[in-house]
Amino acid sequence: MGYDVTQVQKSLAGFDYPGGPDELAEHASKQGADQELVDTLKGLDKQQFDGPNAVMSKLGEAGILGRS
């Protein structure tokens, strides 16, 4: 399973970094992300992300990031 890069970027657009997984998940939910992506963001194994590249990198490391 892989999330579309563009989908993830749209879900995180406008997020005020830094932030943790719960904050990312809440923002993505408000942006209309599906529940599966919200749950994935919430479960990321890192306390805080300093920007979107850090989030994308973590998703890539977990093998759940697809191609745009």
Protein backbone atom coordinates (compact mmCIF):
# COMPACT_ATOMS: atom_id res chain seq x y z
CA MET A 1 0.00 0.00 0.00
CA GLY A 2 1.36 3.39 -0.86
CA TYR A 3 -0.03 6.84 -0.37
CA ASP A 4 0.10 9.18 -3.32
CA VAL A 5 2.73 11.87 -2.69
CA THR A 6 0.40 14.61 -3.94
CA GLN A 7 -2.40 13.36 -1.68
CA VAL A 8 -0.15 13.55 1.37
CA GLN A 9 1.16 16.99 0.42
CA LYS A 10 -2.39 18.34 0.00
CA SER A 11 -3.38 16.87 3.34
CA LEU A 12 -0.50 18.64 5.07
CA ALA A 13 -0.73 21.94 3.16
CA GLY A 14 -0.82 24.91 5.52
CA PHE A 15 0.37 22.98 8.57
CA ASP A 16 2.30 25.18 11.00
CA TYR A 17 5.50 23.22 11.71
CA PRO A 18 6.98 21.99 13.96
CA GLY A 19 4.43 19.46 15.06
CA GLY A 20 3.94 15.92 16.24
CA PRO A 21 2.06 13.00 14.77
CA ASP A 22 -1.22 13.80 16.55
CA GLU A 23 -1.18 17.39 15.31
CA LEU A 24 -0.36 16.28 11.76
CA ALA A 25 -3.20 13.74 11.86
CA GLU A 26 -5.69 16.32 13.13
CA HIS A 27 -4.67 18.81 10.43
CA ALA A 28 -4.87 16.18 7.68
CA SER A 29 -8.33 15.17 8.87
CA LYS A 30 -9.51 18.77 8.68
CA GLN A 31 -8.07 18.95 5.15
CA GLY A 32 -10.22 15.99 4.10
CA ALA A 33 -7.68 13.16 4.26
CA ASP A 34 -9.13 9.67 4.47
CA GLN A 35 -9.13 7.95 7.85
CA GLU A 36 -6.40 5.52 6.84
CA LEU A 37 -3.95 8.35 6.12
CA VAL A 38 -4.97 10.13 9.33
CA ASP A 39 -4.28 6.95 11.32
CA THR A 40 -0.95 6.45 9.55
CA LEU A 41 0.17 9.99 10.38
CA LYS A 42 -0.93 9.54 13.98
CA GLY A 43 1.16 6.38 14.21
CA LEU A 44 4.41 7.85 12.89
CA ASP A 45 7.33 6.95 15.13
CA LYS A 46 8.80 10.39 15.77
CA GLN A 47 7.95 12.97 18.42
CA GLN A 48 8.18 16.06 16.24
CA PHE A 49 8.58 16.98 12.59
CA ASP A 50 10.24 20.24 11.57
CA GLY A 51 8.82 20.36 8.07
CA PRO A 52 7.03 18.48 5.30
CA ASN A 53 10.23 16.88 4.03
CA ALA A 54 10.69 15.18 7.41
CA VAL A 55 7.16 13.76 7.23
CA MET A 56 7.63 12.54 3.67
CA SER A 57 10.97 11.00 4.57
CA LYS A 58 9.45 9.10 7.50
CA LEU A 59 6.60 7.83 5.32
CA GLY A 60 9.16 6.74 2.71
CA GLU A 61 11.24 4.91 5.34
CA ALA A 62 8.12 3.06 6.45
CA GLY A 63 7.54 1.93 2.86
CA ILE A 64 4.05 3.42 2.69
CA LEU A 65 4.68 6.30 0.34
CA GLY A 66 3.77 5.72 -3.28
CA ARG A 67 4.55 7.84 -6.32
CA SER A 68 2.88 11.03 -7.39
